[in-house]
Amino acid sequence: MILIAMPAYNEERFIAKTILGAKRYSDSILVVDDGSSDLTSEISQALGANVIVHEINKGYGGALKTIFTEAFNQDADFLVIIDADGQHNPEEIPMLLNSFKLSSCDLVIGSRFLNSAKKSIPLYRKFGMKILDTATNMAASKCMCSVSDSQSGFRAYNKKAIRAIAPNLSGDDMSAGSEILLLASEAGLQLCEVPIKVRYDIEDTSSENPVKHGLSVLSKIVGFISFKKPLYFFGLPGGFLCLLGFLAGLYTVGEYHTAGTFHYVVFLLAILIMVFGMLLFTSGLILNSIVRLMNSNNHSID
């Protein structure tokens, strides 16, 4: 069974076109109306879509959690998630689904960076998305070097991916897209990409400032890194500070021997920096041991 789902928040202008375009490729259409105040639900129901309504706006991640839970409960063979705001082209859905037949993919990402369409992406968006791609890759348990568009909302999942992600997705905000890839990485899922085109000429597709949105997602991903890779997050800065403090201390001792001048302030700062660095490094080691122990217990339970 192919389930095509779309999170929707006040999308009465484009939801009909998206549903009608997606219908021909699906066995069932699911719209998660995330607290809309317009006619999103009414239009979707009139066009035969199954609609789940959130009484309050839970955010993009909250809508995705509802979608994955529903796909899991319906035992869907494939799940395609597409934006309801008209930016994605439903005609490209078969391209994502065909990837499951042509290769051993578990999760297919529609990437904006695999064809000439990337030229239409505003420069500030490209810059921001590459930062988020890098941060997501740093947080992953395995390298996702082949992923060129970690923030794409146009994706397809097979049953294995649905079962790996549905019970574990936790975030309610826009960082859910990155969290899904991290869960896929931990589960050893095979990721593939196909080129897609995205429209940027549609006004008001996002209710949030893009800079604020990007920083919010980045802060969540940094949180993932600190939790999943504490040695990387705390240990490296700690080691750097220890080295910096050592060099500063060495400088003051050298100055004292060569010029007879002892720089008390620099020496005290060097000691403080070294102590702080050692605390960070030690914290990284301890937290890393705890994470490894937790992962080991989880594998034992599995």
Protein backbone atom coordinates (compact mmCIF):
# COMPACT_ATOMS: atom_id res chain seq x y z
CA MET A 1 0.00 0.00 0.00
CA ILE A 2 1.36 3.41 -0.99
CA LEU A 3 0.46 6.19 1.44
CA ILE A 4 1.12 9.76 0.35
CA ALA A 5 0.99 12.22 3.22
CA MET A 6 1.38 15.94 3.62
CA PRO A 7 1.70 18.13 6.71
CA ALA A 8 -0.47 21.20 6.20
CA TYR A 9 -0.91 24.50 8.00
CA ASN A 10 -3.20 27.07 6.39
CA GLU A 11 -2.65 25.69 2.88
CA GLU A 12 -6.10 26.27 1.37
CA ARG A 13 -4.52 27.93 -1.70
CA PHE A 14 -2.46 24.93 -2.84
CA ILE A 15 -3.70 21.83 -1.01
CA ALA A 16 -6.23 20.91 -3.74
CA LYS A 17 -3.63 20.93 -6.51
CA THR A 18 -1.22 18.88 -4.40
CA ILE A 19 -3.84 16.27 -3.47
CA LEU A 20 -5.13 15.92 -7.04
CA GLY A 21 -1.59 15.63 -8.35
CA ALA A 22 -0.62 12.98 -5.78
CA LYS A 23 -3.81 10.93 -5.96
CA ARG A 24 -2.92 9.07 -9.15
CA TYR A 25 0.21 7.60 -7.54
CA SER A 26 -1.25 6.53 -4.20
CA ASP A 27 -3.62 4.07 -2.58
CA SER A 28 -4.40 6.56 0.15
CA ILE A 29 -3.88 10.28 0.79
CA LEU A 30 -3.34 11.55 4.32
CA VAL A 31 -3.43 15.22 5.27
CA VAL A 32 -2.36 16.24 8.76
CA ASP A 33 -3.97 19.62 9.35
CA ASP A 34 -1.71 21.14 11.97
CA GLY A 35 -4.14 23.57 13.57
CA SER A 36 -5.14 25.52 10.44
CA SER A 37 -7.60 28.38 10.72
CA ASP A 38 -8.56 28.31 7.02
CA LEU A 39 -10.33 25.72 4.82
CA THR A 40 -7.43 23.26 4.56
CA SER A 41 -9.37 20.41 6.22
CA GLU A 42 -12.63 21.02 4.36
CA ILE A 43 -10.95 21.10 0.95
CA SER A 44 -8.90 17.99 1.72
CA GLN A 45 -11.93 16.00 2.88
CA ALA A 46 -13.94 17.10 -0.16
CA LEU A 47 -11.20 15.68 -2.39
CA GLY A 48 -11.29 12.30 -0.63
CA ALA A 49 -8.21 12.63 1.57
CA ASN A 50 -8.12 11.20 5.07
CA VAL A 51 -7.64 14.15 7.39
CA ILE A 52 -6.22 14.17 10.90
CA VAL A 53 -6.68 17.50 12.63
CA HIS A 54 -4.40 18.84 15.34
CA GLU A 55 -6.49 21.15 17.48
CA ILE A 56 -3.41 23.29 18.10
CA ASN A 57 -0.40 23.92 15.90
CA LYS A 58 2.23 21.37 16.99
CA GLY A 59 4.85 22.28 14.42
CA TYR A 60 6.35 20.48 11.42
CA GLY A 61 7.87 17.71 13.53
CA GLY A 62 4.58 17.17 15.36
CA ALA A 63 2.80 16.70 12.03
CA LEU A 64 5.50 14.28 10.84
CA LYS A 65 5.12 12.22 14.02
CA THR A 66 1.40 11.87 13.32
CA ILE A 67 2.13 10.85 9.73
CA PHE A 68 4.67 8.18 10.72
CA THR A 69 2.40 6.83 13.44
CA GLU A 70 -0.46 6.54 10.96
CA ALA A 71 1.77 4.89 8.32
CA PHE A 72 2.99 2.44 10.97
CA ASN A 73 -0.56 1.63 12.14
CA GLN A 74 -1.82 1.19 8.57
CA ASP A 75 1.16 -1.10 7.82
CA ALA A 76 1.96 0.95 4.73
CA ASP A 77 4.48 -0.56 2.30
CA PHE A 78 5.65 2.85 1.16
CA LEU A 79 5.21 6.34 2.57
CA VAL A 80 5.78 9.49 0.50
CA ILE A 81 5.79 12.85 2.30
CA ILE A 82 5.36 15.96 0.21
CA ASP A 83 4.86 19.60 1.16
CA ALA A 84 1.32 20.91 0.75
CA ASP A 85 2.37 24.47 -0.10
CA GLY A 86 2.87 23.91 -3.84
CA GLN A 87 6.68 24.00 -3.75
CA HIS A 88 6.99 20.29 -4.64
CA ASN A 89 5.74 18.77 -7.88
CA PRO A 90 3.57 15.64 -7.36
CA GLU A 91 4.56 14.54 -10.88
CA GLU A 92 7.98 13.66 -9.42
CA ILE A 93 6.54 11.12 -6.94
CA PRO A 94 7.05 8.13 -9.33
CA MET A 95 10.74 9.01 -9.56
CA LEU A 96 11.11 8.58 -5.80
CA LEU A 97 9.08 5.36 -5.74
CA ASN A 98 11.00 3.86 -8.68
CA SER A 99 14.21 4.17 -6.70
CA PHE A 100 13.00 1.34 -4.45
CA LYS A 101 12.78 -0.94 -7.50
CA LEU A 102 16.06 0.12 -9.09
CA SER A 103 18.30 -0.06 -6.01
CA SER A 104 18.35 -1.22 -2.41
CA CYS A 105 17.04 2.02 -0.95
CA ASP A 106 15.15 2.33 2.33
CA LEU A 107 14.78 6.10 2.29
CA VAL A 108 14.75 8.24 -0.86
CA ILE A 109 15.41 11.97 -0.61
CA GLY A 110 14.29 14.41 -3.27
CA SER A 111 17.40 16.57 -3.60
CA ARG A 112 17.49 20.15 -4.90
CA PHE A 113 21.22 19.94 -5.56
CA LEU A 114 21.47 17.14 -8.14
CA ASN A 115 20.47 19.02 -11.27
CA SER A 116 20.46 22.47 -12.83
CA ALA A 117 17.49 23.39 -10.63
CA LYS A 118 19.92 24.25 -7.86
CA LYS A 119 20.65 27.49 -9.76
CA SER A 120 17.17 28.70 -8.83
CA ILE A 121 17.81 28.31 -5.10
CA PRO A 122 18.48 31.69 -3.45
CA LEU A 123 22.14 32.02 -2.38
CA TYR A 124 21.33 32.60 1.29
CA ARG A 125 19.28 29.39 1.31
CA LYS A 126 22.13 27.41 -0.27
CA PHE A 127 24.55 28.73 2.34
CA GLY A 128 22.22 27.93 5.23
CA MET A 129 21.32 24.49 3.92
CA LYS A 130 24.98 23.50 3.50
CA ILE A 131 25.67 24.46 7.12
CA LEU A 132 22.75 22.31 8.24
CA ASP A 133 23.93 19.45 5.97
CA THR A 134 27.38 19.57 7.58
CA ALA A 135 25.98 19.72 11.11
CA THR A 136 23.58 16.82 10.43
CA ASN A 137 26.45 14.75 9.06
CA MET A 138 28.54 15.50 12.16
CA ALA A 139 25.72 14.25 14.38
CA ALA A 140 25.18 11.02 12.41
CA SER A 141 26.49 7.74 13.79
CA LYS A 142 27.66 6.83 10.27
CA CYS A 143 28.85 9.12 7.53
CA MET A 144 26.08 10.41 5.29
CA CYS A 145 28.55 11.96 2.89
CA SER A 146 26.41 11.11 -0.15
CA VAL A 147 23.44 13.15 1.14
CA SER A 148 23.35 16.52 -0.64
CA ASP A 149 20.05 17.82 0.76
CA SER A 150 19.41 16.89 4.40
CA GLN A 151 16.64 19.49 4.73
CA SER A 152 14.43 18.35 1.86
CA GLY A 153 10.86 17.63 2.93
CA PHE A 154 10.10 15.60 -0.20
CA ARG A 155 11.01 12.01 0.75
CA ALA A 156 9.86 8.42 0.37
CA TYR A 157 10.22 5.59 2.89
CA ASN A 158 9.80 1.82 2.64
CA LYS A 159 8.27 -0.32 5.39
CA LYS A 160 11.65 -0.98 7.03
CA ALA A 161 12.29 2.76 7.31
CA ILE A 162 8.78 3.46 8.63
CA ARG A 163 9.21 0.86 11.36
CA ALA A 164 12.64 2.20 12.33
CA ILE A 165 11.57 5.85 12.49
CA ALA A 166 7.94 5.88 13.69
CA PRO A 167 8.53 4.77 17.31
CA ASN A 168 11.60 6.97 17.83
CA LEU A 169 10.80 10.35 16.25
CA SER A 170 10.58 12.86 19.10
CA GLY A 171 11.04 16.47 17.93
CA ASP A 172 8.10 18.76 17.13
CA ASP A 173 9.96 21.49 15.27
CA MET A 174 11.63 21.90 11.88
CA SER A 175 14.68 19.90 12.99
CA ALA A 176 12.60 16.73 12.56
CA GLY A 177 13.96 16.34 9.03
CA SER A 178 17.50 16.05 10.40
CA GLU A 179 16.38 13.84 13.29
CA ILE A 180 14.83 11.39 10.80
CA LEU A 181 18.15 11.09 8.96
CA LEU A 182 19.99 10.52 12.25
CA LEU A 183 17.53 7.75 13.16
CA ALA A 184 18.01 6.28 9.68
CA SER A 185 21.76 6.36 10.17
CA GLU A 186 21.51 4.59 13.55
CA ALA A 187 19.23 1.94 12.04
CA GLY A 188 21.65 1.32 9.16
CA LEU A 189 19.10 2.30 6.52
CA GLN A 190 20.23 2.75 2.94
CA LEU A 191 19.78 6.37 1.81
CA CYS A 192 19.33 7.36 -1.84
CA GLU A 193 18.67 10.64 -3.61
CA VAL A 194 16.89 11.66 -6.79
CA PRO A 195 16.87 15.15 -8.33
CA ILE A 196 13.78 17.29 -7.83
CA LYS A 197 12.75 20.83 -8.65
CA VAL A 198 11.38 23.19 -6.01
CA ARG A 199 9.47 26.41 -6.62
CA TYR A 200 10.72 29.48 -4.79
CA ASP A 201 8.41 31.91 -6.56
CA ILE A 202 5.48 31.11 -4.26
CA GLU A 203 4.91 33.71 -1.59
CA ASP A 204 4.28 32.98 2.07
CA THR A 205 5.31 29.30 1.92
CA SER A 206 6.81 29.65 5.38
CA SER A 207 5.39 31.44 8.38
CA GLU A 208 8.83 31.80 9.94
CA ASN A 209 11.80 34.04 9.17
CA PRO A 210 14.35 31.87 7.26
CA VAL A 211 17.31 33.06 9.37
CA LYS A 212 15.44 32.39 12.62
CA HIS A 213 14.30 29.07 11.21
CA GLY A 214 17.85 28.07 10.21
CA LEU A 215 19.34 29.02 13.58
CA SER A 216 16.61 27.14 15.39
CA VAL A 217 17.25 23.97 13.38
CA LEU A 218 21.03 24.36 13.81
CA SER A 219 20.71 24.69 17.59
CA LYS A 220 18.67 21.48 17.70
CA ILE A 221 21.25 19.64 15.58
CA VAL A 222 24.05 20.89 17.86
CA GLY A 223 22.01 19.45 20.72
CA PHE A 224 21.94 16.10 18.88
CA ILE A 225 25.74 16.26 18.47
CA SER A 226 26.29 16.94 22.19
CA PHE A 227 24.04 14.01 23.09
CA LYS A 228 25.20 11.50 20.48
CA LYS A 229 28.89 12.45 20.26
CA PRO A 230 29.91 14.02 23.60
CA LEU A 231 33.60 13.29 23.08
CA TYR A 232 33.44 15.14 19.79
CA PHE A 233 31.41 18.00 21.27
CA PHE A 234 33.19 18.45 24.61
CA GLY A 235 36.49 16.60 24.15
CA LEU A 236 37.83 18.48 21.12
CA PRO A 237 37.22 21.98 22.53
CA GLY A 238 38.59 20.77 25.89
CA GLY A 239 41.76 19.45 24.26
CA PHE A 240 42.18 22.69 22.32
CA LEU A 241 41.83 24.80 25.47
CA CYS A 242 44.36 22.62 27.31
CA LEU A 243 46.85 23.14 24.49
CA LEU A 244 46.13 26.89 24.42
CA GLY A 245 46.61 27.19 28.19
CA PHE A 246 49.82 25.16 28.04
CA LEU A 247 51.29 27.38 25.31
CA ALA A 248 50.32 30.54 27.21
CA GLY A 249 51.94 29.17 30.36
CA LEU A 250 55.05 28.21 28.40
CA TYR A 251 55.22 31.75 27.06
CA THR A 252 55.17 33.32 30.53
CA VAL A 253 57.90 30.96 31.79
CA GLY A 254 60.02 31.70 28.70
CA GLU A 255 59.60 35.45 29.18
CA TYR A 256 60.60 35.15 32.82
CA HIS A 257 63.82 33.29 31.95
CA THR A 258 64.82 35.45 28.98
CA ALA A 259 63.65 38.93 30.02
CA GLY A 260 63.12 38.55 33.75
CA THR A 261 59.50 39.67 33.41
CA PHE A 262 56.74 37.55 34.80
CA HIS A 263 53.30 38.15 33.27
CA TYR A 264 51.01 37.31 36.19
CA VAL A 265 47.75 37.98 34.36
CA VAL A 266 48.68 35.80 31.37
CA PHE A 267 49.89 33.06 33.69
CA LEU A 268 46.66 33.06 35.69
CA LEU A 269 44.60 33.05 32.50
CA ALA A 270 46.66 30.13 31.21
CA ILE A 271 45.91 28.13 34.38
CA LEU A 272 42.19 28.95 34.18
CA ILE A 273 42.03 27.98 30.50
CA MET A 274 43.82 24.69 31.19
CA VAL A 275 41.53 23.85 34.12
CA PHE A 276 38.41 24.62 32.06
CA GLY A 277 39.78 22.61 29.15
CA MET A 278 40.51 19.62 31.40
CA LEU A 279 36.99 19.80 32.84
CA LEU A 280 35.51 19.81 29.32
CA PHE A 281 37.73 16.96 28.17
CA THR A 282 36.97 14.87 31.24
CA SER A 283 33.23 15.54 30.87
CA GLY A 284 33.46 14.41 27.25
CA LEU A 285 35.18 11.17 28.27
CA ILE A 286 32.60 10.40 30.98
CA LEU A 287 29.58 11.24 28.81
CA ASN A 288 31.03 9.25 25.92
CA SER A 289 31.36 6.19 28.17
CA ILE A 290 27.74 6.61 29.30
CA VAL A 291 26.50 6.90 25.69
CA ARG A 292 28.49 3.82 24.63
CA LEU A 293 27.08 1.89 27.59
CA MET A 294 23.53 2.97 26.70
CA ASN A 295 24.04 1.99 23.05
CA SER A 296 25.47 -1.35 24.12
CA ASN A 297 22.43 -2.03 26.33
CA ASN A 298 20.07 -1.04 23.53
CA HIS A 299 21.78 -3.46 21.12
CA SER A 300 21.57 -6.21 23.77
CA ILE A 301 17.83 -5.60 24.16
CA ASP A 302 17.39 -5.67 20.36
